[in-house]
Protein backbone atom coordinates (compact mmCIF):
# COMPACT_ATOMS: atom_id res chain seq x y z
CA MET A 1 -43.31 -45.53 10.89
CA ARG A 2 -41.53 -45.07 7.42
CA THR A 3 -42.98 -41.87 6.88
CA VAL A 4 -41.70 -40.51 10.37
CA LEU A 5 -38.33 -42.46 9.32
CA SER A 6 -38.53 -40.70 6.08
CA ALA A 7 -38.76 -37.19 7.33
CA LEU A 8 -36.11 -37.56 9.59
CA LEU A 9 -34.05 -38.78 6.98
CA VAL A 10 -34.67 -35.45 4.84
CA ILE A 11 -34.47 -33.28 7.51
CA ALA A 12 -31.41 -34.80 8.13
CA ALA A 13 -30.23 -34.58 4.53
CA LEU A 14 -31.06 -30.91 4.39
CA LEU A 15 -29.29 -30.06 7.60
CA ALA A 16 -26.03 -31.92 6.21
CA ALA A 17 -26.64 -30.10 2.84
CA ALA A 18 -26.86 -26.77 4.97
CA VAL A 19 -23.46 -26.91 6.19
CA ALA A 20 -21.56 -28.75 3.30
CA GLY A 21 -22.45 -26.02 0.56
CA PRO A 22 -20.71 -23.26 2.72
CA ALA A 23 -17.78 -25.87 4.03
CA MET A 24 -17.05 -26.74 0.75
CA TRP A 25 -16.81 -23.29 -0.53
CA LEU A 26 -14.15 -22.32 2.55
CA GLN A 27 -12.31 -25.28 1.48
CA ARG A 28 -12.22 -24.62 -2.29
CA ASN A 29 -11.29 -20.69 -1.84
CA VAL A 30 -10.28 -19.83 1.49
CA VAL A 31 -8.31 -23.16 3.06
CA ASP A 32 -6.69 -24.20 -0.60
CA GLU A 33 -3.71 -21.99 -1.71
CA ALA A 34 -4.69 -22.46 -5.32
CA GLY A 35 -8.11 -21.57 -5.07
CA PHE A 36 -7.58 -18.82 -2.50
CA THR A 37 -5.45 -17.00 -4.70
CA ALA A 38 -7.85 -16.91 -7.57
CA PHE A 39 -10.48 -16.21 -5.70
CA ALA A 40 -8.81 -13.13 -4.44
CA GLY A 41 -6.79 -12.42 -7.41
CA PRO A 42 -9.34 -9.80 -8.90
CA LEU A 43 -8.83 -7.91 -5.80
CA GLY A 44 -5.63 -6.52 -7.19
CA SER A 45 -7.29 -4.68 -10.25
CA ASN A 46 -9.90 -3.21 -7.51
CA LYS A 47 -9.36 0.69 -7.93
CA GLU A 48 -10.12 1.19 -4.35
CA PHE A 49 -7.84 -1.35 -3.05
CA GLN A 50 -4.92 -0.39 -5.11
CA GLU A 51 -5.63 3.30 -3.75
CA ALA A 52 -5.76 1.67 -0.29
CA ALA A 53 -2.64 -0.36 -1.45
CA SER A 54 -0.12 2.70 -2.53
CA ALA A 55 0.36 4.38 0.37
CA LEU A 56 1.12 1.43 2.23
CA LEU A 57 3.35 0.21 -0.32
CA ALA A 58 5.22 3.19 -0.69
CA ALA A 59 5.83 3.30 3.31
CA GLU A 60 7.31 -0.26 3.25
CA ALA A 61 9.43 0.54 0.50
CA THR A 62 10.74 3.70 2.01
CA SER A 63 11.67 1.91 5.25
CA ALA A 64 12.71 -1.16 3.73
CA LEU A 65 14.84 -0.23 0.52
CA ASN A 66 18.60 0.74 1.31
CA LEU A 67 19.43 3.74 -0.79
CA PRO A 68 23.12 5.62 -1.20
CA ALA A 69 23.01 8.40 1.41
CA GLY A 70 21.94 11.53 -0.14
CA LEU A 71 19.03 9.94 -2.50
CA ASN A 72 16.48 9.79 0.43
CA GLU A 73 14.94 13.07 -0.30
CA LEU A 74 14.85 12.30 -4.14
CA ALA A 75 13.98 9.02 -3.96
CA GLY A 76 10.94 9.51 -1.59
CA ALA A 77 8.87 11.03 -4.81
CA VAL A 78 10.19 8.16 -6.91
CA ILE A 79 9.22 5.37 -5.02
CA ASP A 80 5.50 7.13 -4.13
CA ASP A 81 5.47 7.85 -8.08
CA ALA A 82 6.59 3.80 -8.64
CA ALA A 83 3.96 2.97 -5.77
CA ARG A 84 1.09 4.58 -7.44
CA GLY A 85 2.24 3.45 -11.23
CA LEU A 86 2.83 -0.32 -9.59
CA TYR A 87 -0.32 -1.44 -11.34
CA THR A 88 0.46 -0.53 -14.97
CA ASP A 89 3.91 -2.74 -14.49
CA PRO A 90 3.76 -5.52 -17.03
CA GLY A 91 4.77 -7.95 -13.85
CA TYR A 92 1.88 -6.73 -11.55
CA PRO A 93 -0.22 -9.68 -12.10
CA ALA A 94 2.49 -12.07 -11.37
CA ALA A 95 3.83 -10.52 -8.55
CA TRP A 96 0.26 -10.11 -7.30
CA THR A 97 -0.30 -13.72 -7.86
CA GLU A 98 2.80 -14.26 -5.85
CA THR A 99 1.78 -11.92 -2.91
CA LEU A 100 -1.27 -13.62 -2.43
CA ARG A 101 0.48 -17.34 -2.41
CA ARG A 102 3.39 -16.21 0.12
CA SER A 103 0.87 -14.50 2.43
CA HIS A 104 -1.50 -17.20 2.30
CA ASN A 105 1.10 -19.80 3.36
CA LEU A 106 2.72 -17.72 5.82
CA THR A 107 -1.07 -17.11 7.59
CA PHE A 108 -2.33 -20.71 7.66
CA GLU A 109 1.10 -21.76 8.99
CA ALA A 110 0.99 -19.37 11.75
CA ALA A 111 -2.74 -20.05 12.49
CA GLY A 112 -1.88 -23.98 12.62
CA ASN A 113 1.36 -23.45 14.93
CA THR A 114 -0.04 -23.49 18.70
CA GLU A 115 3.22 -22.21 19.50
CA VAL A 116 3.40 -18.84 17.92
CA ALA A 117 0.35 -15.85 17.85
CA GLY A 118 -1.43 -16.87 14.75
CA ASP A 119 -1.68 -13.49 12.83
CA VAL A 120 -2.94 -12.43 9.07
CA VAL A 121 0.19 -12.00 7.20
CA LEU A 122 0.86 -10.04 3.91
CA ASP A 123 4.00 -10.77 2.14
CA VAL A 124 4.77 -7.87 0.14
CA GLU A 125 8.55 -8.70 -1.35
CA PRO A 126 7.00 -9.35 -4.74
CA LEU A 127 5.60 -5.65 -5.00
CA VAL A 128 8.09 -3.77 -3.17
CA GLY A 129 10.65 -5.96 -6.05
CA LEU A 130 9.03 -3.98 -8.75
CA ILE A 131 8.82 -1.00 -6.83
CA ALA A 132 12.62 -1.02 -6.37
CA ALA A 133 13.74 -2.13 -10.05
CA SER A 134 11.47 1.06 -11.40
CA VAL A 135 13.37 3.17 -8.51
CA GLY A 136 16.21 1.78 -9.37
CA SER A 137 15.95 2.34 -13.75
CA ASN A 138 14.47 6.32 -12.74
CA LEU A 139 17.65 6.91 -10.49
CA GLY A 140 20.18 4.72 -12.32
CA ILE A 141 21.09 2.32 -9.74
CA THR A 142 20.56 -0.91 -8.31
CA VAL A 143 18.53 -1.31 -5.18
CA PRO A 144 19.08 -4.20 -3.19
CA LEU A 145 15.96 -5.86 -1.30
CA PRO A 146 15.75 -7.43 2.21
CA ALA A 147 15.48 -10.72 2.68
CA GLU A 148 12.44 -10.33 3.89
CA LEU A 149 9.30 -7.96 3.59
CA VAL A 150 6.23 -9.06 5.79
CA ILE A 151 3.40 -6.86 6.64
CA ARG A 152 1.51 -8.45 10.19
CA MET A 153 -1.91 -6.91 9.72
CA ASP A 154 -2.72 -7.27 13.50
CA GLU A 155 -5.80 -8.90 13.00
CA ALA A 156 -6.53 -11.03 15.98
CA LYS A 157 -10.44 -11.33 15.59
CA VAL A 158 -9.49 -12.68 11.80
CA ALA A 159 -6.47 -15.04 12.53
CA ALA A 160 -8.82 -16.58 15.70
CA LEU A 161 -11.28 -18.07 13.07
CA LEU A 162 -8.64 -19.93 10.94
CA PRO A 163 -8.09 -22.88 12.47
CA ALA A 164 -12.08 -23.48 12.97
CA LEU A 165 -12.65 -22.41 9.08
CA THR A 166 -9.83 -25.25 8.09
CA LYS A 167 -11.67 -27.84 10.00
CA VAL A 168 -15.14 -26.78 8.66
CA GLY A 169 -13.69 -26.47 4.99
CA GLY A 170 -12.38 -30.47 5.84
CA TRP A 171 -15.47 -31.51 6.27
CA GLY A 172 -17.42 -30.36 3.28
CA SER A 173 -17.02 -33.30 0.96
CA TRP A 174 -18.19 -35.77 3.61
CA LEU A 175 -21.20 -33.94 4.52
CA ALA A 176 -22.18 -33.57 1.07
CA GLY A 177 -22.08 -36.80 0.57
CA ALA A 178 -23.97 -38.11 3.87
CA ALA A 179 -26.59 -35.15 2.58
CA VAL A 180 -27.18 -37.22 -0.77
CA VAL A 181 -27.32 -40.65 0.79
CA LEU A 182 -29.37 -39.46 3.61
CA LEU A 183 -31.67 -37.74 0.87
CA ALA A 184 -31.71 -40.98 -1.15
CA LEU A 185 -32.45 -43.15 1.67
CA GLY A 186 -35.40 -40.89 2.58
CA ILE A 187 -37.20 -40.79 -0.50
CA LEU A 188 -36.90 -44.51 -0.95
CA VAL A 189 -38.43 -45.45 2.27
CA ALA A 190 -41.18 -42.95 1.87
CA ARG A 191 -44.76 -44.28 1.65
CA ARG A 192 -45.39 -41.97 -1.01
CA ARG A 193 -42.22 -41.06 -3.00
CA GLY A 194 -43.96 -37.97 -4.86
CA THR A 195 -44.51 -35.92 -1.97
CA ALA A 196 -40.93 -36.81 -0.28
CA LEU A 197 -39.69 -35.74 -3.49
CA VAL A 198 -41.68 -32.22 -3.98
CA LEU A 199 -41.18 -31.50 0.04
CA SER A 200 -37.22 -32.06 -0.09
CA GLY A 201 -37.10 -29.84 -3.08
CA ALA A 202 -39.05 -27.27 -0.93
CA GLY A 203 -36.76 -27.88 1.62
CA LEU A 204 -33.71 -27.46 -0.47
CA ALA A 205 -35.16 -24.05 -1.99
CA VAL A 206 -35.01 -22.97 1.97
CA VAL A 207 -31.70 -24.27 2.68
CA ALA A 208 -30.48 -22.05 -0.77
CA LEU A 209 -32.58 -18.92 0.59
CA VAL A 210 -30.84 -19.13 3.49
CA TRP A 211 -27.13 -19.05 2.02
CA LEU A 212 -28.38 -16.13 0.02
CA LEU A 213 -29.49 -14.29 3.32
CA GLY A 214 -26.51 -15.67 4.52
CA SER A 215 -23.91 -14.38 1.62
CA GLY A 216 -24.90 -10.64 2.35
CA TRP A 217 -24.42 -11.19 6.17
CA VAL A 218 -20.76 -12.33 5.48
CA GLN A 219 -20.19 -9.29 3.21
CA SER A 220 -21.20 -6.91 5.81
CA ALA A 221 -19.48 -9.08 8.65
CA LEU A 222 -16.11 -9.29 6.97
CA GLY A 223 -15.90 -5.41 6.49
CA SER A 224 -16.57 -4.54 9.70
CA LEU A 225 -14.58 -7.56 11.30
CA VAL A 226 -11.40 -6.05 9.53
CA ALA A 227 -9.48 -3.08 11.31
CA GLY A 228 -6.17 -1.96 11.04
CA PRO A 229 -4.53 0.03 8.46
CA PRO A 230 -6.65 1.09 5.53
CA MET A 231 -5.37 -1.25 3.13
CA ALA A 232 -6.47 -4.39 5.08
CA GLN A 233 -9.97 -2.74 6.19
CA GLN A 234 -10.33 -2.44 1.54
CA ILE A 235 -9.33 -6.10 1.95
CA GLY A 236 -11.96 -6.81 4.20
CA VAL A 237 -14.81 -5.02 2.62
CA GLU A 238 -13.57 -6.39 -0.73
CA LEU A 239 -13.03 -9.75 -0.19
CA GLY A 240 -16.51 -10.12 1.43
CA ALA A 241 -18.03 -8.89 -2.11
CA LEU A 242 -15.91 -11.76 -4.00
CA ALA A 243 -17.46 -13.91 -1.74
CA ARG A 244 -21.00 -13.10 -1.95
CA ASP A 245 -20.79 -12.76 -5.94
CA SER A 246 -18.47 -16.43 -5.60
CA TRP A 247 -21.28 -18.04 -3.62
CA GLN A 248 -23.96 -16.75 -6.21
CA SER A 249 -23.30 -19.47 -8.34
CA GLY A 250 -23.85 -22.53 -5.66
CA ILE A 251 -26.99 -20.61 -4.77
CA ASN A 252 -27.93 -20.84 -8.16
CA MET A 253 -27.36 -24.45 -8.62
CA THR A 254 -29.30 -25.17 -5.58
CA PHE A 255 -32.29 -23.50 -6.33
CA LEU A 256 -32.30 -25.47 -9.62
CA ALA A 257 -31.81 -29.00 -8.17
CA ALA A 258 -34.50 -27.82 -5.53
CA ALA A 259 -36.83 -26.94 -8.55
CA LEU A 260 -35.78 -30.32 -10.39
CA LEU A 261 -36.66 -32.45 -7.36
CA ALA A 262 -40.22 -30.57 -6.92
CA VAL A 263 -40.50 -31.36 -10.89
CA LEU A 264 -39.97 -35.05 -10.38
CA GLY A 265 -42.12 -35.23 -7.43
CA VAL A 266 -45.00 -33.68 -9.17
CA LEU A 267 -44.28 -35.86 -12.00
CA ALA A 268 -44.29 -39.12 -10.07
CA LEU A 269 -47.43 -38.12 -8.03
CA ILE A 270 -49.22 -37.34 -11.68
CA VAL A 271 -48.00 -40.83 -12.85
CA LYS A 272 -49.43 -42.49 -9.80
CA ARG A 273 -52.45 -40.68 -9.77
CA GLY A 274 -53.00 -41.99 -13.42
CA ARG A 275 -52.35 -45.61 -12.38
CA THR A 276 -55.01 -45.53 -9.60
CA THR A 277 -57.44 -44.11 -11.91
């Protein structure tokens, strides 16, 4: 009876841990504003993303900036140059961070509001502001910005997932705590605790292996899930790569924890065998 109960508790612990890991990652890197800003920050220095973003930002700046009559033809080339040179501007890192922060807030606010259709929103006002300042400097004029510069990426599939991701992310800490308690109980009630430790370590290694395989699937899924303009597609591809790399440290730590449990189990079996001889 104790062996069966121990096995059930350990299995429940491993299942809880399998869900807890991704849930905690989602909460820290997707749902949380500061976490998402830090997670997606490196995207701003990615060359492929910058190339895709330049064309979209130039188009947005051209349509949004209220330039004096007679400067439109000249301004087109100046805006294009400013958009391509945006990434060397000293203010770019701060503007990119602010863009991520605003975009996260608007996207999750829409996703959590049942009265509006949730959507993936990109607030590019901080970036276009830098372009406007560069254009104004080159033309010797002051270029006013519109009150709002929001691009709706028309990513219905992604937007539909956000409420569910928010809920799952909130479960992470609870599931992790439950996994630890269940595992401890499973080992305590086991008749052969050394064996229970070894098997728990093996099970945890399987969980880490599933995460490792899943991280590759998530990368490809994000790349294929995002449609729309080239900038949106590039965001999906690059965020998928960032997610895979970010999750690797958690996978490595789980493999390490699995090895530690197995070693403790082997040591416990050796000690027990020594006492019985």
